Amino acid sequence: MAKKKGIPGLSFSWKRALGITSAKRKIAKATGIPTTKQGRRAKVGRLFGIK
């Protein structure tokens, strides 16, 4: 297993820093359509009754 670089216990996400994460979340809540690939697949699966 490869070792991670950086300070243990400290992480940085540029998407969160720019507000992309919260914007995507607001869009998903407003439209009812998930922004992740896995979420969209699950929603379509439930719609058509696919497991």
C-alpha atoms as a PDB file:
ATOM      1  CA  MET A   1       0.000   0.000   0.000  1.00  0.00           C
ATOM      2  CA  ALA A   2       1.353   3.415  -0.945  1.00  0.00           C
ATOM      3  CA  LYS A   3       1.998   6.019   1.710  1.00  0.00           C
ATOM      4  CA  LYS A   4       0.145   9.307   1.539  1.00  0.00           C
ATOM      5  CA  LYS A   5       2.113  12.531   1.414  1.00  0.00           C
ATOM      6  CA  GLY A   6       1.400  15.488   3.630  1.00  0.00           C
ATOM      7  CA  ILE A   7       0.506  16.078   7.244  1.00  0.00           C
ATOM      8  CA  PRO A   8      -1.418  13.230   8.896  1.00  0.00           C
ATOM      9  CA  GLY A   9      -4.979  14.196   9.818  1.00  0.00           C
ATOM     10  CA  LEU A  10      -4.949  17.298   7.633  1.00  0.00           C
ATOM     11  CA  SER A  11      -6.552  17.297   4.216  1.00  0.00           C
ATOM     12  CA  PHE A  12      -7.385  19.978   1.691  1.00  0.00           C
ATOM     13  CA  SER A  13     -10.056  19.924  -0.974  1.00  0.00           C
ATOM     14  CA  TRP A  14      -9.915  22.627  -3.629  1.00  0.00           C
ATOM     15  CA  LYS A  15     -13.526  21.874  -4.617  1.00  0.00           C
ATOM     16  CA  ARG A  16     -14.746  22.597  -1.094  1.00  0.00           C
ATOM     17  CA  ALA A  17     -12.544  25.706  -0.897  1.00  0.00           C
ATOM     18  CA  LEU A  18     -14.100  27.116  -4.080  1.00  0.00           C
ATOM     19  CA  GLY A  19     -17.641  26.227  -2.982  1.00  0.00           C
ATOM     20  CA  ILE A  20     -18.241  23.693  -5.755  1.00  0.00           C
ATOM     21  CA  THR A  21     -19.347  21.003  -3.315  1.00  0.00           C
ATOM     22  CA  SER A  22     -22.049  23.147  -1.717  1.00  0.00           C
ATOM     23  CA  ALA A  23     -23.225  24.460  -5.095  1.00  0.00           C
ATOM     24  CA  LYS A  24     -23.658  20.918  -6.444  1.00  0.00           C
ATOM     25  CA  ARG A  25     -25.539  19.962  -3.284  1.00  0.00           C
ATOM     26  CA  LYS A  26     -27.922  22.913  -3.612  1.00  0.00           C
ATOM     27  CA  ILE A  27     -28.600  22.079  -7.267  1.00  0.00           C
ATOM     28  CA  ALA A  28     -29.270  18.439  -6.418  1.00  0.00           C
ATOM     29  CA  LYS A  29     -31.687  19.377  -3.632  1.00  0.00           C
ATOM     30  CA  ALA A  30     -33.546  21.904  -5.775  1.00  0.00           C
ATOM     31  CA  THR A  31     -33.951  19.681  -8.842  1.00  0.00           C
ATOM     32  CA  GLY A  32     -34.171  16.296  -7.146  1.00  0.00           C
ATOM     33  CA  ILE A  33     -31.520  14.946  -9.511  1.00  0.00           C
ATOM     34  CA  PRO A  34     -28.318  13.596  -7.914  1.00  0.00           C
ATOM     35  CA  THR A  35     -25.043  15.069  -9.187  1.00  0.00           C
ATOM     36  CA  THR A  36     -22.971  11.908  -8.746  1.00  0.00           C
ATOM     37  CA  LYS A  37     -22.848   9.158 -11.357  1.00  0.00           C
ATOM     38  CA  GLN A  38     -23.712   6.537  -8.731  1.00  0.00           C
ATOM     39  CA  GLY A  39     -26.651   8.606  -7.449  1.00  0.00           C
ATOM     40  CA  ARG A  40     -28.108   9.088 -10.938  1.00  0.00           C
ATOM     41  CA  ARG A  41     -27.801   5.360 -11.672  1.00  0.00           C
ATOM     42  CA  ALA A  42     -29.547   4.484  -8.414  1.00  0.00           C
ATOM     43  CA  LYS A  43     -32.385   6.928  -9.104  1.00  0.00           C
ATOM     44  CA  VAL A  44     -32.924   5.568 -12.624  1.00  0.00           C
ATOM     45  CA  GLY A  45     -32.793   2.029 -11.255  1.00  0.00           C
ATOM     46  CA  ARG A  46     -35.498   2.795  -8.712  1.00  0.00           C
ATOM     47  CA  LEU A  47     -37.621   4.454 -11.397  1.00  0.00           C
ATOM     48  CA  PHE A  48     -37.580   1.396 -13.614  1.00  0.00           C
ATOM     49  CA  GLY A  49     -37.609  -1.155 -10.780  1.00  0.00           C
ATOM     50  CA  ILE A  50     -34.142  -2.485 -11.548  1.00  0.00           C
ATOM     51  CA  LYS A  51     -32.096  -3.825  -8.652  1.00  0.00           C
END
